[in-house]
Amino acid sequence: MNGTVSIIGCGFVADLYMRSLQAMDEITVAGVYDKNPERLAQFCTFWNVPSVASMDALLDQHPRDGVVLNLTNPSAHFEVNSASLAAGCHTYSEKPLAMTVEDAKALHAQAEAAGLMLASAPCSVLGEAAQTLGHALRTGIAGTPRAIYAELDDGFVPQAAYKKWISESGAPWPFEDEFRVGCTLEHAGYYLGWLISWFGSVRTVVAASAETIPGKEGTGPYAPDLSVATLFFEDGPMTRLTCSIVAPHDHQIRIVGDGGVLACKAAWDNSAKVTFAKRMTIRRRLMESPFPKTIKLGQQTHPKVKRWGAAAMNFMLGPSEMLDALREGRPSRLSNDFALHMTEVKLAMQNAGEHSGAQAMTTRCDPMEPMPWAR
């Protein structure tokens, strides 16, 4: 892996990208821009990377065989992504790609017309845990998958000590922005990306969402803090996906097959254990084995990043995949269609409210090619 990235936005999440960058070989930072000059100086000094005085200057000097990382606040994603594409730059955006389906479709059309790559976080779909589960599905370890339960519940976050959550270079966790954007747009993509990579397009979303904790600190209006969705895939099992900052912390995914249950309990850990519990009958009682088997790929996967805070993820797997695709002259696994479709499904979940009913998706994407070490 090698190549060049430029960074726009150096808030809380940018430090997680820089931590990940330390584990990657031969990826260099051409420049960094943030609209807050004090924060820009603090970040660039801490990580010893070059600052750039304006976004236009950064885009002008950015190598066209590199990738621009848009790490700004979600409300700025559409504007910054569009500017990056207009400058002829392949672009990797933090989630969500845009705050509306219309804006996401406009970005997709802009990228397609210019022949540019446009990808969206999260990239944990390229991580070892997701790829191990994908391999287990393809090889039929659990038999035909019949149903999936996935949870992305983060605990009762409004009562957490979030004002003490400070990044390595000193950026505070942007709690007001997080509450305004909502946990579904911020976090549902972690398992949604895995699911779409395995089964392709979601055909229909049946969802409900609500703000269950009124009066959160800061200035609203705030997005729903709980969503529950049933996903019907074009070619995959019925799936329930829950996302909240209300329910006790639970990040497990369970794939129920004819022969047993595949499971992973940590969406935010690239090295999380993947298990298979075989179904059996003991004394006329049907049950899954209490001693599940650990599933491993048996070969070297990707560079790992040690745990910091709640996550043990390599945030640079996505940009690295794009750089590899550019160098090898192939499509990126994180395709433009993938970014758009994932955004549409997340917005359908977040905006469902109480009476939305079934929503047919208007975008689609193919299942993702597995990583070479997961075939």
Protein backbone atom coordinates (compact mmCIF):
# COMPACT_ATOMS: atom_id res chain seq x y z
CA MET A 1 0.00 0.00 0.00
CA ASN A 2 1.26 3.48 -0.81
CA GLY A 3 -0.03 6.82 -1.95
CA THR A 4 -0.99 10.28 -0.76
CA VAL A 5 -3.94 11.70 1.14
CA SER A 6 -4.99 15.24 1.97
CA ILE A 7 -7.20 15.97 4.97
CA ILE A 8 -10.01 18.52 5.29
CA GLY A 9 -11.21 18.88 8.87
CA CYS A 10 -9.11 18.02 11.91
CA GLY A 11 -11.63 17.57 14.70
CA PHE A 12 -12.08 14.60 17.03
CA VAL A 13 -12.24 11.86 14.39
CA ALA A 14 -9.17 13.10 12.50
CA ASP A 15 -6.93 11.88 15.31
CA LEU A 16 -8.31 8.36 14.83
CA TYR A 17 -7.29 8.52 11.18
CA MET A 18 -3.80 9.72 12.11
CA ARG A 19 -3.41 6.92 14.68
CA SER A 20 -4.38 4.47 11.94
CA LEU A 21 -2.00 6.11 9.47
CA GLN A 22 0.90 5.21 11.75
CA ALA A 23 0.17 1.52 11.06
CA MET A 24 0.08 1.91 7.28
CA ASP A 25 3.17 1.74 5.08
CA GLU A 26 4.06 4.51 2.64
CA ILE A 27 0.88 6.60 2.87
CA THR A 28 1.84 10.25 3.22
CA VAL A 29 -0.17 13.35 4.11
CA ALA A 30 0.20 16.07 1.49
CA GLY A 31 -1.62 18.71 3.50
CA VAL A 32 -4.27 19.47 6.11
CA TYR A 33 -6.89 22.22 6.24
CA ASP A 34 -9.40 23.23 8.90
CA LYS A 35 -11.50 26.40 9.04
CA ASN A 36 -10.36 26.89 12.67
CA PRO A 37 -6.72 28.09 12.42
CA GLU A 38 -5.98 27.36 16.09
CA ARG A 39 -7.22 23.81 15.83
CA LEU A 40 -5.35 23.37 12.53
CA ALA A 41 -2.06 24.46 14.12
CA GLN A 42 -2.64 22.24 17.17
CA PHE A 43 -3.37 19.18 15.06
CA CYS A 44 -0.52 19.67 12.57
CA THR A 45 2.02 20.31 15.32
CA PHE A 46 0.95 17.23 17.26
CA TRP A 47 1.10 14.90 14.24
CA ASN A 48 3.91 16.69 12.38
CA VAL A 49 1.96 17.12 9.14
CA PRO A 50 1.85 20.17 6.83
CA SER A 51 -0.97 22.69 7.17
CA VAL A 52 -2.54 24.53 4.22
CA ALA A 53 -4.07 27.99 4.49
CA SER A 54 -7.31 27.33 2.54
CA MET A 55 -9.41 24.50 1.19
CA ASP A 56 -8.96 25.77 -2.36
CA ALA A 57 -5.19 25.71 -1.93
CA LEU A 58 -5.30 22.18 -0.54
CA LEU A 59 -7.41 20.93 -3.46
CA ASP A 60 -5.21 22.72 -6.00
CA GLN A 61 -2.02 21.08 -4.71
CA HIS A 62 -3.52 17.64 -4.05
CA PRO A 63 -2.03 14.87 -6.25
CA ARG A 64 -4.66 13.53 -8.64
CA ASP A 65 -3.60 9.94 -7.93
CA GLY A 66 -4.28 10.48 -4.22
CA VAL A 67 -7.43 10.67 -2.09
CA VAL A 68 -8.96 13.62 -0.26
CA LEU A 69 -10.32 12.73 3.19
CA ASN A 70 -13.37 14.80 4.13
CA LEU A 71 -13.40 14.67 7.95
CA THR A 72 -15.56 17.75 8.51
CA ASN A 73 -18.81 17.91 10.47
CA PRO A 74 -21.70 16.15 8.70
CA SER A 75 -23.51 19.41 7.89
CA ALA A 76 -20.54 20.35 5.69
CA HIS A 77 -20.13 16.98 3.97
CA PHE A 78 -22.12 17.78 0.83
CA GLU A 79 -20.40 21.11 0.20
CA VAL A 80 -16.89 19.79 0.83
CA ASN A 81 -17.42 16.55 -1.11
CA SER A 82 -18.78 18.51 -4.07
CA ALA A 83 -15.87 20.94 -4.00
CA SER A 84 -13.36 18.08 -3.85
CA LEU A 85 -14.98 16.31 -6.81
CA ALA A 86 -15.19 19.57 -8.76
CA ALA A 87 -11.44 19.94 -8.27
CA GLY A 88 -10.92 16.50 -9.84
CA CYS A 89 -10.08 14.68 -6.61
CA HIS A 90 -11.01 11.16 -5.59
CA THR A 91 -12.87 11.62 -2.32
CA TYR A 92 -13.38 9.62 0.87
CA SER A 93 -16.04 11.12 3.12
CA GLU A 94 -16.73 10.56 6.77
CA LYS A 95 -20.29 9.40 7.37
CA PRO A 96 -22.82 10.29 6.15
CA LEU A 97 -22.06 11.05 2.52
CA ALA A 98 -24.71 13.81 2.70
CA MET A 99 -27.64 14.70 4.92
CA THR A 100 -30.31 14.08 2.27
CA VAL A 101 -30.82 11.44 -0.40
CA GLU A 102 -31.11 14.17 -3.04
CA ASP A 103 -27.70 15.59 -2.12
CA ALA A 104 -26.16 12.10 -2.01
CA LYS A 105 -27.51 11.35 -5.49
CA ALA A 106 -26.13 14.67 -6.77
CA LEU A 107 -22.67 13.77 -5.44
CA HIS A 108 -22.89 10.32 -7.00
CA ALA A 109 -23.82 11.82 -10.37
CA GLN A 110 -21.00 14.36 -10.09
CA ALA A 111 -18.44 11.64 -9.35
CA GLU A 112 -19.69 9.37 -12.13
CA ALA A 113 -19.60 12.20 -14.69
CA ALA A 114 -16.02 13.04 -13.73
CA GLY A 115 -14.83 9.43 -13.56
CA LEU A 116 -13.89 9.82 -9.89
CA MET A 117 -14.08 7.54 -6.87
CA LEU A 118 -16.45 8.62 -4.11
CA ALA A 119 -16.48 6.51 -0.95
CA SER A 120 -18.08 6.84 2.45
CA ALA A 121 -17.07 5.69 5.92
CA PRO A 122 -17.21 3.46 7.81
CA CYS A 123 -14.64 1.13 6.30
CA SER A 124 -14.78 -1.63 8.92
CA VAL A 125 -16.38 -3.75 6.17
CA LEU A 126 -12.79 -4.23 4.96
CA GLY A 127 -11.65 -5.34 8.42
CA GLU A 128 -10.84 -8.83 9.60
CA ALA A 129 -14.05 -9.47 11.57
CA ALA A 130 -16.38 -8.49 8.70
CA GLN A 131 -14.31 -10.38 6.14
CA THR A 132 -14.21 -13.48 8.37
CA LEU A 133 -18.00 -13.47 8.68
CA GLY A 134 -18.29 -12.98 4.92
CA HIS A 135 -16.02 -15.95 4.29
CA ALA A 136 -18.07 -18.06 6.71
CA LEU A 137 -21.25 -17.14 4.81
CA ARG A 138 -19.75 -17.93 1.40
CA THR A 139 -18.44 -21.30 2.55
CA GLY A 140 -21.75 -22.27 4.16
CA ILE A 141 -20.45 -22.92 7.67
CA ALA A 142 -23.88 -22.21 9.18
CA GLY A 143 -25.87 -23.38 6.16
CA THR A 144 -28.34 -21.08 4.42
CA PRO A 145 -28.78 -17.82 6.41
CA ARG A 146 -32.43 -17.32 7.40
CA ALA A 147 -32.40 -14.24 9.64
CA ILE A 148 -29.95 -11.70 11.05
CA TYR A 149 -30.16 -9.68 14.27
CA ALA A 150 -27.72 -6.77 14.52
CA GLU A 151 -27.43 -4.33 17.42
CA LEU A 152 -25.62 -0.99 17.56
CA ASP A 153 -26.70 0.26 20.98
CA ASP A 154 -24.20 2.50 22.75
CA GLY A 155 -25.60 2.80 26.26
CA PHE A 156 -27.37 5.80 27.81
CA VAL A 157 -24.95 8.30 26.25
CA PRO A 158 -26.64 11.55 27.46
CA GLN A 159 -25.62 10.59 31.00
CA ALA A 160 -22.04 9.71 30.03
CA ALA A 161 -19.03 11.87 30.90
CA TYR A 162 -18.75 12.94 27.25
CA LYS A 163 -17.22 16.33 28.05
CA LYS A 164 -14.15 14.42 29.19
CA TRP A 165 -13.85 12.63 25.84
CA ILE A 166 -10.84 14.42 24.33
CA SER A 167 -8.86 13.26 21.29
CA GLU A 168 -5.11 12.72 21.41
CA SER A 169 -4.28 16.15 20.03
CA GLY A 170 -6.88 17.91 22.20
CA ALA A 171 -10.18 18.04 20.27
CA PRO A 172 -13.35 17.56 22.35
CA TRP A 173 -16.00 15.04 21.31
CA PRO A 174 -18.58 17.17 19.42
CA PHE A 175 -21.59 16.13 21.49
CA GLU A 176 -24.00 18.75 20.14
CA ASP A 177 -23.23 17.81 16.55
CA GLU A 178 -23.50 14.11 17.40
CA PHE A 179 -26.94 14.61 18.97
CA ARG A 180 -28.12 16.76 16.05
CA VAL A 181 -26.93 14.33 13.38
CA GLY A 182 -28.17 11.27 15.24
CA CYS A 183 -26.76 7.87 16.10
CA THR A 184 -28.35 6.17 13.08
CA LEU A 185 -26.48 8.28 10.52
CA GLU A 186 -23.34 8.08 12.66
CA HIS A 187 -23.33 4.37 13.52
CA ALA A 188 -25.81 2.22 11.56
CA GLY A 189 -23.31 2.01 8.70
CA TYR A 190 -20.99 -0.20 10.74
CA TYR A 191 -23.21 -3.25 10.35
CA LEU A 192 -25.17 -1.97 7.36
CA GLY A 193 -21.93 -1.84 5.35
CA TRP A 194 -21.17 -5.45 6.29
CA LEU A 195 -24.65 -6.57 5.27
CA ILE A 196 -24.64 -4.78 1.91
CA SER A 197 -21.17 -6.13 1.14
CA TRP A 198 -22.43 -9.70 1.64
CA PHE A 199 -25.91 -9.53 0.12
CA GLY A 200 -25.99 -6.45 -2.10
CA SER A 201 -28.92 -4.08 -2.31
CA VAL A 202 -31.63 -3.56 0.26
CA ARG A 203 -34.95 -3.73 -1.55
CA THR A 204 -37.28 -2.43 1.18
CA VAL A 205 -36.83 -0.76 4.59
CA VAL A 206 -39.55 -1.02 7.24
CA ALA A 207 -38.45 1.17 10.13
CA ALA A 208 -39.44 3.33 13.08
CA SER A 209 -37.42 6.03 14.83
CA ALA A 210 -37.92 8.46 17.70
CA GLU A 211 -36.20 10.89 20.02
CA THR A 212 -36.71 9.07 23.30
CA ILE A 213 -34.54 11.37 25.45
CA PRO A 214 -35.74 14.99 25.13
CA GLY A 215 -33.79 17.86 26.62
CA LYS A 216 -30.30 16.68 25.71
CA GLU A 217 -27.56 19.20 26.44
CA GLY A 218 -26.88 21.80 23.78
CA THR A 219 -28.84 23.43 21.01
CA GLY A 220 -31.28 21.33 18.97
CA PRO A 221 -33.23 20.30 17.10
CA TYR A 222 -31.98 16.80 17.68
CA ALA A 223 -32.29 13.70 15.53
CA PRO A 224 -33.88 10.43 16.67
CA ASP A 225 -31.79 8.64 19.27
CA LEU A 226 -33.38 5.23 18.64
CA SER A 227 -34.18 3.47 15.38
CA VAL A 228 -35.30 -0.07 14.62
CA ALA A 229 -35.35 -1.32 11.04
CA THR A 230 -36.31 -4.48 9.23
CA LEU A 231 -34.31 -4.80 6.03
CA PHE A 232 -35.42 -6.88 3.05
CA PHE A 233 -32.54 -7.59 0.66
CA GLU A 234 -32.78 -8.38 -3.04
CA ASP A 235 -30.81 -11.55 -2.31
CA GLY A 236 -30.39 -12.10 1.40
CA PRO A 237 -32.15 -12.93 4.66
CA MET A 238 -34.56 -10.71 6.55
CA THR A 239 -32.54 -8.56 8.96
CA ARG A 240 -33.36 -6.55 12.05
CA LEU A 241 -30.98 -3.64 12.73
CA THR A 242 -31.26 -1.59 15.92
CA CYS A 243 -29.34 1.61 16.63
CA SER A 244 -29.54 3.78 19.75
CA ILE A 245 -27.84 5.88 22.42
CA VAL A 246 -30.46 4.63 24.86
CA ALA A 247 -30.26 0.85 25.31
CA PRO A 248 -27.44 -0.87 27.24
CA HIS A 249 -24.26 -1.25 25.21
CA ASP A 250 -24.62 -4.10 22.74
CA HIS A 251 -22.69 -4.35 19.47
CA GLN A 252 -23.37 -7.94 18.46
CA ILE A 253 -24.49 -9.41 15.18
CA ARG A 254 -26.02 -12.89 14.94
CA ILE A 255 -26.57 -14.70 11.65
CA VAL A 256 -29.06 -17.54 12.06
CA GLY A 257 -28.51 -20.37 9.59
CA ASP A 258 -29.94 -23.81 9.04
CA GLY A 259 -27.02 -25.37 10.91
CA GLY A 260 -26.45 -22.88 13.71
CA VAL A 261 -25.53 -19.28 14.53
CA LEU A 262 -22.57 -17.20 13.37
CA ALA A 263 -21.83 -14.29 15.71
CA CYS A 264 -19.55 -11.36 16.41
CA LYS A 265 -19.91 -9.18 19.51
CA ALA A 266 -17.82 -6.11 18.71
CA ALA A 267 -18.57 -4.03 15.62
CA TRP A 268 -15.84 -1.54 16.48
CA ASP A 269 -12.99 -4.04 16.75
CA ASN A 270 -11.38 -5.21 13.52
CA SER A 271 -9.98 -8.23 15.39
CA ALA A 272 -13.22 -9.19 17.15
CA LYS A 273 -13.79 -12.92 17.58
CA VAL A 274 -16.14 -14.57 15.09
CA THR A 275 -17.86 -17.72 16.36
CA PHE A 276 -20.13 -20.50 15.15
CA ALA A 277 -22.50 -22.28 17.52
CA LYS A 278 -23.77 -25.50 15.95
CA ARG A 279 -27.41 -26.37 16.50
CA MET A 280 -28.07 -29.66 18.26
CA THR A 281 -30.70 -31.62 20.16
CA ILE A 282 -29.88 -32.80 23.67
CA ARG A 283 -32.52 -34.78 25.58
CA ARG A 284 -35.20 -33.58 23.16
CA ARG A 285 -34.16 -29.94 23.68
CA LEU A 286 -33.12 -27.98 20.59
CA MET A 287 -30.27 -25.57 21.32
CA GLU A 288 -27.12 -23.94 20.01
CA SER A 289 -23.87 -25.29 21.37
CA PRO A 290 -22.76 -23.54 24.59
CA PHE A 291 -19.19 -23.96 23.36
CA PRO A 292 -19.09 -22.10 20.01
CA LYS A 293 -16.20 -22.65 17.62
CA THR A 294 -13.96 -19.69 16.79
CA ILE A 295 -13.72 -19.04 13.04
CA LYS A 296 -10.37 -17.82 11.70
CA LEU A 297 -9.10 -17.07 8.21
CA GLY A 298 -5.71 -18.64 8.80
CA GLN A 299 -3.60 -16.01 7.08
CA GLN A 300 -2.32 -12.49 7.59
CA THR A 301 -5.04 -9.89 7.08
CA HIS A 302 -4.36 -6.15 7.49
CA PRO A 303 -2.49 -3.78 9.83
CA LYS A 304 -4.19 -3.52 13.21
CA VAL A 305 -4.58 -0.45 15.43
CA LYS A 306 -4.61 -0.71 19.21
CA ARG A 307 -7.76 0.23 21.10
CA TRP A 308 -8.31 3.91 21.81
CA GLY A 309 -11.50 4.81 23.64
CA ALA A 310 -14.39 2.66 22.42
CA ALA A 311 -12.77 1.43 19.21
CA ALA A 312 -9.98 -0.79 17.95
CA MET A 313 -10.36 0.01 14.27
CA ASN A 314 -8.06 0.95 11.42
CA PHE A 315 -9.81 4.01 10.00
CA MET A 316 -7.41 4.08 7.04
CA LEU A 317 -8.53 0.78 5.51
CA GLY A 318 -10.95 2.68 3.25
CA PRO A 319 -8.53 5.29 1.89
CA SER A 320 -5.89 2.56 1.52
CA GLU A 321 -8.30 0.44 -0.56
CA MET A 322 -8.96 3.42 -2.83
CA LEU A 323 -5.24 4.11 -3.26
CA ASP A 324 -4.59 0.44 -4.05
CA ALA A 325 -7.41 0.47 -6.63
CA LEU A 326 -5.96 3.58 -8.28
CA ARG A 327 -2.49 2.05 -8.43
CA GLU A 328 -3.77 -1.28 -9.76
CA GLY A 329 -6.19 0.27 -12.25
CA ARG A 330 -9.27 -1.53 -10.89
CA PRO A 331 -12.59 -0.46 -9.33
CA SER A 332 -12.53 0.19 -5.60
CA ARG A 333 -14.43 -2.19 -3.36
CA LEU A 334 -15.86 0.94 -1.73
CA SER A 335 -17.69 1.91 -4.88
CA ASN A 336 -19.71 5.04 -5.63
CA ASP A 337 -22.85 2.86 -5.74
CA PHE A 338 -22.01 1.37 -2.34
CA ALA A 339 -21.66 4.82 -0.74
CA LEU A 340 -24.92 6.09 -2.22
CA HIS A 341 -26.97 2.99 -1.37
CA MET A 342 -25.73 2.84 2.21
CA THR A 343 -26.60 6.53 2.64
CA GLU A 344 -30.13 6.03 1.30
CA VAL A 345 -30.80 3.09 3.64
CA LYS A 346 -29.48 4.97 6.69
CA LEU A 347 -31.61 8.00 5.91
CA ALA A 348 -34.67 5.77 5.50
CA MET A 349 -34.03 4.41 8.99
CA GLN A 350 -33.30 7.76 10.61
CA ASN A 351 -36.23 9.60 9.07
CA ALA A 352 -38.79 6.82 9.51
CA GLY A 353 -40.57 8.34 12.49
CA GLU A 354 -43.75 6.62 13.67
CA HIS A 355 -45.84 6.22 10.52
CA SER A 356 -43.45 5.83 7.56
CA GLY A 357 -44.46 2.29 6.57
CA ALA A 358 -42.45 0.32 4.01
CA GLN A 359 -39.98 2.34 1.93
CA ALA A 360 -38.72 1.01 -1.39
CA MET A 361 -35.10 1.91 -2.06
CA THR A 362 -34.32 3.76 -5.29
CA THR A 363 -30.60 2.93 -5.45
CA ARG A 364 -28.74 -0.35 -5.62
CA CYS A 365 -25.28 -1.88 -5.48
CA ASP A 366 -23.68 -5.26 -6.00
CA PRO A 367 -22.16 -7.38 -3.24
CA MET A 368 -18.54 -6.51 -2.53
CA GLU A 369 -15.56 -8.50 -3.78
CA PRO A 370 -13.86 -9.99 -0.68
CA MET A 371 -10.37 -8.96 0.26
CA PRO A 372 -7.67 -11.23 -1.26
CA TRP A 373 -6.84 -12.74 2.14
CA ALA A 374 -10.54 -13.62 2.78
CA ARG A 375 -11.35 -15.55 -0.40
